[in-house]
């Protein structure tokens, strides 16, 4: 652990929640949505997905737009299932680590997400450990569609710092996206970039020998 840290900000997908960015792309293509890989990817998204993740549009408008993109007869349930296929599981060890860290640090969640995924990952969480919301694991939760800001916009990091009176040099941010890491670093926040294959339980918060 880095010395001098009092606060930890966690990304969700790829850090706490296992995800697969390719699954929704394949699922959309299977439904007949052409160029799904171009429409949605980890690094770049169309305006539609950005609007969903910043709360400018809701589930109904998003689904209607996806139906128009598909150009074929496809049900709302099929589209939601395809969109939610990105979400895999919450490893219990990671949730236990979060609970342990709460005893020693101020902890926060900062996630680019949307109302459809929020409902889905809360269901996964409840099935995993019985808790209905991630709020139990953090001092405060910042979900992009609820705060109207998304990474890598530095404004979302500044909001967390300002809301909670945090010093950036005492704050650590964990994320699997380099562009998000770089944005936080510009504000003086200390960071750990989880590259492919890294996990918080195996590489960062390891049990003492």
C-alpha atoms as a PDB file:
ATOM      1  CA  UNK A   1       0.000   0.000   0.000  1.00  0.00           C
ATOM      2  CA  UNK A   2       1.196   3.536  -0.756  1.00  0.00           C
ATOM      3  CA  UNK A   3       2.233   5.543   2.325  1.00  0.00           C
ATOM      4  CA  UNK A   4       0.243   8.593   3.367  1.00  0.00           C
ATOM      5  CA  UNK A   5      -3.061   7.405   1.915  1.00  0.00           C
ATOM      6  CA  UNK A   6      -6.215   8.140   3.897  1.00  0.00           C
ATOM      7  CA  UNK A   7      -8.824   7.845   1.138  1.00  0.00           C
ATOM      8  CA  UNK A   8      -9.381   5.251  -1.605  1.00  0.00           C
ATOM      9  CA  UNK A   9     -11.585   5.711  -4.676  1.00  0.00           C
ATOM     10  CA  UNK A  10     -12.520   2.517  -6.480  1.00  0.00           C
ATOM     11  CA  UNK A  11     -13.709   1.943 -10.022  1.00  0.00           C
ATOM     12  CA  UNK A  12     -16.396  -0.749 -10.258  1.00  0.00           C
ATOM     13  CA  UNK A  13     -16.181  -2.744 -13.495  1.00  0.00           C
ATOM     14  CA  UNK A  14     -12.856  -4.517 -13.938  1.00  0.00           C
ATOM     15  CA  UNK A  15     -11.812  -3.714 -10.366  1.00  0.00           C
ATOM     16  CA  UNK A  16     -14.569  -4.919  -8.014  1.00  0.00           C
ATOM     17  CA  UNK A  17     -17.052  -6.431 -10.460  1.00  0.00           C
ATOM     18  CA  UNK A  18     -15.777  -8.804 -13.137  1.00  0.00           C
ATOM     19  CA  UNK A  19     -16.896  -7.703 -16.586  1.00  0.00           C
ATOM     20  CA  UNK A  20     -16.411  -8.727 -20.213  1.00  0.00           C
ATOM     21  CA  UNK A  21     -16.471  -5.836 -22.694  1.00  0.00           C
ATOM     22  CA  UNK A  22     -16.757  -8.231 -25.641  1.00  0.00           C
ATOM     23  CA  UNK A  23     -19.940  -9.961 -24.507  1.00  0.00           C
ATOM     24  CA  UNK A  24     -22.398  -7.137 -25.263  1.00  0.00           C
ATOM     25  CA  UNK A  25     -20.707  -6.528 -28.613  1.00  0.00           C
ATOM     26  CA  UNK A  26     -21.205 -10.178 -29.593  1.00  0.00           C
ATOM     27  CA  UNK A  27     -24.733 -10.168 -28.159  1.00  0.00           C
ATOM     28  CA  UNK A  28     -25.695  -7.036 -30.123  1.00  0.00           C
ATOM     29  CA  UNK A  29     -24.234  -8.489 -33.315  1.00  0.00           C
ATOM     30  CA  UNK A  30     -26.182 -11.702 -32.748  1.00  0.00           C
ATOM     31  CA  UNK A  31     -29.366  -9.624 -32.552  1.00  0.00           C
ATOM     32  CA  UNK A  32     -28.531  -8.008 -35.875  1.00  0.00           C
ATOM     33  CA  UNK A  33     -26.996  -4.713 -34.782  1.00  0.00           C
ATOM     34  CA  UNK A  34     -24.289  -4.084 -37.341  1.00  0.00           C
ATOM     35  CA  UNK A  35     -20.921  -2.569 -36.417  1.00  0.00           C
ATOM     36  CA  UNK A  36     -21.607  -3.154 -32.728  1.00  0.00           C
ATOM     37  CA  UNK A  37     -17.886  -3.037 -31.998  1.00  0.00           C
ATOM     38  CA  UNK A  38     -17.712   0.478 -33.434  1.00  0.00           C
ATOM     39  CA  UNK A  39     -20.864   1.624 -31.681  1.00  0.00           C
ATOM     40  CA  UNK A  40     -19.690   0.488 -28.258  1.00  0.00           C
ATOM     41  CA  UNK A  41     -16.256  -0.295 -26.879  1.00  0.00           C
ATOM     42  CA  UNK A  42     -14.324   0.252 -23.659  1.00  0.00           C
ATOM     43  CA  UNK A  43     -12.264   3.079 -25.105  1.00  0.00           C
ATOM     44  CA  UNK A  44     -14.860   4.931 -27.149  1.00  0.00           C
ATOM     45  CA  UNK A  45     -18.640   5.079 -27.235  1.00  0.00           C
ATOM     46  CA  UNK A  46     -21.251   6.730 -29.373  1.00  0.00           C
ATOM     47  CA  UNK A  47     -23.233   9.685 -28.046  1.00  0.00           C
ATOM     48  CA  UNK A  48     -26.096   7.312 -27.207  1.00  0.00           C
ATOM     49  CA  UNK A  49     -24.095   5.438 -24.576  1.00  0.00           C
ATOM     50  CA  UNK A  50     -22.583   8.639 -23.193  1.00  0.00           C
ATOM     51  CA  UNK A  51     -26.081  10.105 -22.804  1.00  0.00           C
ATOM     52  CA  UNK A  52     -27.214   6.993 -20.918  1.00  0.00           C
ATOM     53  CA  UNK A  53     -24.170   7.032 -18.634  1.00  0.00           C
ATOM     54  CA  UNK A  54     -24.609  10.690 -17.723  1.00  0.00           C
ATOM     55  CA  UNK A  55     -28.350  10.359 -17.095  1.00  0.00           C
ATOM     56  CA  UNK A  56     -29.376  12.546 -20.035  1.00  0.00           C
ATOM     57  CA  UNK A  57     -31.576   9.712 -21.262  1.00  0.00           C
ATOM     58  CA  UNK A  58     -33.185   6.826 -19.424  1.00  0.00           C
ATOM     59  CA  UNK A  59     -33.843   3.160 -20.096  1.00  0.00           C
ATOM     60  CA  UNK A  60     -36.878   3.680 -22.364  1.00  0.00           C
ATOM     61  CA  UNK A  61     -35.180   6.149 -24.711  1.00  0.00           C
ATOM     62  CA  UNK A  62     -32.010   4.041 -24.809  1.00  0.00           C
ATOM     63  CA  UNK A  63     -33.926   0.892 -25.760  1.00  0.00           C
ATOM     64  CA  UNK A  64     -35.894   2.748 -28.433  1.00  0.00           C
ATOM     65  CA  UNK A  65     -32.647   4.036 -29.955  1.00  0.00           C
ATOM     66  CA  UNK A  66     -31.099   0.568 -29.911  1.00  0.00           C
ATOM     67  CA  UNK A  67     -34.141  -0.825 -31.698  1.00  0.00           C
ATOM     68  CA  UNK A  68     -33.675   1.814 -34.383  1.00  0.00           C
ATOM     69  CA  UNK A  69     -29.991   0.916 -34.685  1.00  0.00           C
ATOM     70  CA  UNK A  70     -30.789  -2.774 -35.084  1.00  0.00           C
ATOM     71  CA  UNK A  71     -33.226  -2.184 -37.923  1.00  0.00           C
ATOM     72  CA  UNK A  72     -34.896  -5.508 -37.154  1.00  0.00           C
ATOM     73  CA  UNK A  73     -37.664  -6.815 -34.914  1.00  0.00           C
ATOM     74  CA  UNK A  74     -36.023  -7.269 -31.526  1.00  0.00           C
ATOM     75  CA  UNK A  75     -37.634  -7.240 -28.091  1.00  0.00           C
ATOM     76  CA  UNK A  76     -36.858  -4.967 -25.168  1.00  0.00           C
ATOM     77  CA  UNK A  77     -35.927  -7.984 -23.048  1.00  0.00           C
ATOM     78  CA  UNK A  78     -33.435  -9.207 -25.680  1.00  0.00           C
ATOM     79  CA  UNK A  79     -31.740  -5.806 -25.814  1.00  0.00           C
ATOM     80  CA  UNK A  80     -31.535  -5.469 -22.024  1.00  0.00           C
ATOM     81  CA  UNK A  81     -30.119  -8.985 -21.693  1.00  0.00           C
ATOM     82  CA  UNK A  82     -27.544  -8.229 -24.394  1.00  0.00           C
ATOM     83  CA  UNK A  83     -26.586  -4.963 -22.704  1.00  0.00           C
ATOM     84  CA  UNK A  84     -26.329  -6.600 -19.270  1.00  0.00           C
ATOM     85  CA  UNK A  85     -24.186  -9.466 -20.551  1.00  0.00           C
ATOM     86  CA  UNK A  86     -21.119  -7.329 -19.805  1.00  0.00           C
ATOM     87  CA  UNK A  87     -21.714  -7.897 -16.069  1.00  0.00           C
ATOM     88  CA  UNK A  88     -20.248 -11.109 -14.666  1.00  0.00           C
ATOM     89  CA  UNK A  89     -19.722 -11.580 -10.908  1.00  0.00           C
ATOM     90  CA  UNK A  90     -18.564 -10.082  -7.604  1.00  0.00           C
ATOM     91  CA  UNK A  91     -15.757 -12.234  -6.168  1.00  0.00           C
ATOM     92  CA  UNK A  92     -16.473 -12.538  -2.451  1.00  0.00           C
ATOM     93  CA  UNK A  93     -12.836 -11.902  -1.525  1.00  0.00           C
ATOM     94  CA  UNK A  94     -13.032  -8.416  -3.069  1.00  0.00           C
ATOM     95  CA  UNK A  95     -16.134  -7.571  -1.063  1.00  0.00           C
ATOM     96  CA  UNK A  96     -14.405  -8.789   2.098  1.00  0.00           C
ATOM     97  CA  UNK A  97     -11.401  -6.585   1.298  1.00  0.00           C
ATOM     98  CA  UNK A  98     -13.683  -3.567   0.927  1.00  0.00           C
ATOM     99  CA  UNK A  99     -15.171  -4.228   4.360  1.00  0.00           C
ATOM    100  CA  UNK A 100     -11.695  -4.541   5.882  1.00  0.00           C
ATOM    101  CA  UNK A 101     -10.492  -1.335   4.229  1.00  0.00           C
ATOM    102  CA  UNK A 102     -13.473   0.573   5.651  1.00  0.00           C
ATOM    103  CA  UNK A 103     -11.927   0.108   9.104  1.00  0.00           C
ATOM    104  CA  UNK A 104      -8.802   2.060   8.118  1.00  0.00           C
ATOM    105  CA  UNK A 105      -9.653   4.330   5.154  1.00  0.00           C
ATOM    106  CA  UNK A 106     -12.380   6.546   3.770  1.00  0.00           C
ATOM    107  CA  UNK A 107     -13.644   4.624   0.749  1.00  0.00           C
ATOM    108  CA  UNK A 108     -15.571   5.798  -2.310  1.00  0.00           C
ATOM    109  CA  UNK A 109     -16.928   4.274  -5.500  1.00  0.00           C
ATOM    110  CA  UNK A 110     -16.673   6.110  -8.834  1.00  0.00           C
ATOM    111  CA  UNK A 111     -18.216   4.277 -11.765  1.00  0.00           C
ATOM    112  CA  UNK A 112     -19.276   5.030 -15.316  1.00  0.00           C
ATOM    113  CA  UNK A 113     -22.559   3.151 -15.389  1.00  0.00           C
ATOM    114  CA  UNK A 114     -26.275   3.534 -16.092  1.00  0.00           C
ATOM    115  CA  UNK A 115     -29.677   2.777 -14.607  1.00  0.00           C
ATOM    116  CA  UNK A 116     -30.019  -0.535 -16.484  1.00  0.00           C
ATOM    117  CA  UNK A 117     -26.680  -1.849 -15.264  1.00  0.00           C
ATOM    118  CA  UNK A 118     -27.253  -0.521 -11.756  1.00  0.00           C
ATOM    119  CA  UNK A 119     -30.377  -2.654 -11.378  1.00  0.00           C
ATOM    120  CA  UNK A 120     -28.565  -5.680 -12.799  1.00  0.00           C
ATOM    121  CA  UNK A 121     -25.381  -5.470 -10.726  1.00  0.00           C
ATOM    122  CA  UNK A 122     -27.413  -4.854  -7.564  1.00  0.00           C
ATOM    123  CA  UNK A 123     -29.245  -8.124  -8.278  1.00  0.00           C
ATOM    124  CA  UNK A 124     -25.905  -9.900  -8.758  1.00  0.00           C
ATOM    125  CA  UNK A 125     -24.653  -8.395  -5.489  1.00  0.00           C
ATOM    126  CA  UNK A 126     -27.718  -9.495  -3.552  1.00  0.00           C
ATOM    127  CA  UNK A 127     -27.427 -13.024  -4.917  1.00  0.00           C
ATOM    128  CA  UNK A 128     -23.743 -13.053  -3.948  1.00  0.00           C
ATOM    129  CA  UNK A 129     -23.794 -11.682  -0.414  1.00  0.00           C
ATOM    130  CA  UNK A 130     -27.342 -10.622   0.476  1.00  0.00           C
ATOM    131  CA  UNK A 131     -26.755  -6.865   0.293  1.00  0.00           C
ATOM    132  CA  UNK A 132     -29.122  -4.956  -2.019  1.00  0.00           C
ATOM    133  CA  UNK A 133     -26.723  -2.090  -2.775  1.00  0.00           C
ATOM    134  CA  UNK A 134     -22.996  -1.335  -2.983  1.00  0.00           C
ATOM    135  CA  UNK A 135     -23.521   1.627  -0.628  1.00  0.00           C
ATOM    136  CA  UNK A 136     -22.840  -0.625   2.365  1.00  0.00           C
ATOM    137  CA  UNK A 137     -19.211  -1.016   1.242  1.00  0.00           C
ATOM    138  CA  UNK A 138     -18.377   2.699   0.829  1.00  0.00           C
ATOM    139  CA  UNK A 139     -18.616   6.047   2.578  1.00  0.00           C
ATOM    140  CA  UNK A 140     -20.192   7.428  -0.596  1.00  0.00           C
ATOM    141  CA  UNK A 141     -21.043   6.122  -4.065  1.00  0.00           C
ATOM    142  CA  UNK A 142     -20.677   8.186  -7.250  1.00  0.00           C
ATOM    143  CA  UNK A 143     -22.448   6.657 -10.244  1.00  0.00           C
ATOM    144  CA  UNK A 144     -22.110   8.621 -13.478  1.00  0.00           C
ATOM    145  CA  UNK A 145     -25.792   8.546 -14.414  1.00  0.00           C
ATOM    146  CA  UNK A 146     -26.754   9.861 -10.988  1.00  0.00           C
ATOM    147  CA  UNK A 147     -24.202  12.688 -10.738  1.00  0.00           C
ATOM    148  CA  UNK A 148     -24.332  13.667 -14.426  1.00  0.00           C
ATOM    149  CA  UNK A 149     -20.568  13.312 -14.865  1.00  0.00           C
ATOM    150  CA  UNK A 150     -18.437  10.489 -16.183  1.00  0.00           C
ATOM    151  CA  UNK A 151     -14.771   9.587 -16.319  1.00  0.00           C
ATOM    152  CA  UNK A 152     -12.383  10.705 -17.737  1.00  0.00           C
ATOM    153  CA  UNK A 153     -13.890  14.150 -17.128  1.00  0.00           C
ATOM    154  CA  UNK A 154     -11.776  15.476 -14.224  1.00  0.00           C
ATOM    155  CA  UNK A 155     -14.905  17.173 -12.868  1.00  0.00           C
ATOM    156  CA  UNK A 156     -16.134  13.898 -11.372  1.00  0.00           C
ATOM    157  CA  UNK A 157     -12.885  13.448  -9.438  1.00  0.00           C
ATOM    158  CA  UNK A 158     -12.950  17.081  -8.330  1.00  0.00           C
ATOM    159  CA  UNK A 159     -16.522  16.588  -7.106  1.00  0.00           C
ATOM    160  CA  UNK A 160     -15.463  13.649  -4.933  1.00  0.00           C
ATOM    161  CA  UNK A 161     -12.566  15.645  -3.511  1.00  0.00           C
ATOM    162  CA  UNK A 162     -14.720  18.720  -2.839  1.00  0.00           C
ATOM    163  CA  UNK A 163     -17.768  16.891  -1.470  1.00  0.00           C
ATOM    164  CA  UNK A 164     -15.701  15.002   1.074  1.00  0.00           C
ATOM    165  CA  UNK A 165     -12.943  17.560   1.766  1.00  0.00           C
ATOM    166  CA  UNK A 166     -10.229  15.195   0.565  1.00  0.00           C
ATOM    167  CA  UNK A 167      -6.625  16.103  -0.178  1.00  0.00           C
ATOM    168  CA  UNK A 168      -5.570  14.626  -3.551  1.00  0.00           C
ATOM    169  CA  UNK A 169      -2.129  13.641  -2.253  1.00  0.00           C
ATOM    170  CA  UNK A 170      -3.842  11.554   0.457  1.00  0.00           C
ATOM    171  CA  UNK A 171      -6.196   9.925  -2.025  1.00  0.00           C
ATOM    172  CA  UNK A 172      -5.644   6.759  -4.062  1.00  0.00           C
ATOM    173  CA  UNK A 173      -7.658   5.862  -7.159  1.00  0.00           C
ATOM    174  CA  UNK A 174      -7.881   2.338  -8.639  1.00  0.00           C
ATOM    175  CA  UNK A 175      -9.123   1.834 -12.206  1.00  0.00           C
ATOM    176  CA  UNK A 176      -8.545  -0.477 -15.153  1.00  0.00           C
ATOM    177  CA  UNK A 177      -8.750   2.325 -17.749  1.00  0.00           C
ATOM    178  CA  UNK A 178      -5.570   4.291 -18.473  1.00  0.00           C
ATOM    179  CA  UNK A 179      -7.439   7.408 -19.603  1.00  0.00           C
ATOM    180  CA  UNK A 180      -9.281   7.532 -16.281  1.00  0.00           C
ATOM    181  CA  UNK A 181      -6.038   7.079 -14.362  1.00  0.00           C
ATOM    182  CA  UNK A 182      -4.370   9.901 -16.296  1.00  0.00           C
ATOM    183  CA  UNK A 183      -7.292  12.227 -15.637  1.00  0.00           C
ATOM    184  CA  UNK A 184      -7.146  11.633 -11.880  1.00  0.00           C
ATOM    185  CA  UNK A 185      -3.373  12.112 -11.837  1.00  0.00           C
ATOM    186  CA  UNK A 186      -3.745  15.595 -13.339  1.00  0.00           C
ATOM    187  CA  UNK A 187      -5.547  16.601 -10.134  1.00  0.00           C
ATOM    188  CA  UNK A 188      -2.732  15.219  -7.985  1.00  0.00           C
ATOM    189  CA  UNK A 189      -4.586  12.030  -7.023  1.00  0.00           C
ATOM    190  CA  UNK A 190      -2.319   9.031  -6.588  1.00  0.00           C
ATOM    191  CA  UNK A 191      -3.267   6.043  -8.712  1.00  0.00           C
ATOM    192  CA  UNK A 192      -2.915   2.353  -9.397  1.00  0.00           C
ATOM    193  CA  UNK A 193      -3.711   1.178 -12.904  1.00  0.00           C
ATOM    194  CA  UNK A 194      -4.999  -2.400 -12.989  1.00  0.00           C
ATOM    195  CA  UNK A 195      -3.691  -3.730 -16.268  1.00  0.00           C
ATOM    196  CA  UNK A 196      -4.789  -6.998 -17.896  1.00  0.00           C
ATOM    197  CA  UNK A 197      -4.587  -9.890 -15.472  1.00  0.00           C
ATOM    198  CA  UNK A 198      -4.211  -7.743 -12.343  1.00  0.00           C
ATOM    199  CA  UNK A 199      -6.736  -7.991  -9.515  1.00  0.00           C
ATOM    200  CA  UNK A 200      -7.075  -6.048  -6.279  1.00  0.00           C
ATOM    201  CA  UNK A 201      -6.919  -9.234  -4.191  1.00  0.00           C
ATOM    202  CA  UNK A 202      -3.908 -10.770  -5.951  1.00  0.00           C
ATOM    203  CA  UNK A 203      -1.765  -7.741  -6.715  1.00  0.00           C
ATOM    204  CA  UNK A 204      -2.706  -4.857  -4.392  1.00  0.00           C
ATOM    205  CA  UNK A 205      -4.402  -5.814  -1.139  1.00  0.00           C
ATOM    206  CA  UNK A 206      -2.552  -9.049  -0.537  1.00  0.00           C
ATOM    207  CA  UNK A 207      -2.665 -10.802   2.837  1.00  0.00           C
ATOM    208  CA  UNK A 208       0.463 -10.333   4.939  1.00  0.00           C
ATOM    209  CA  UNK A 209       2.846 -13.252   4.874  1.00  0.00           C
END
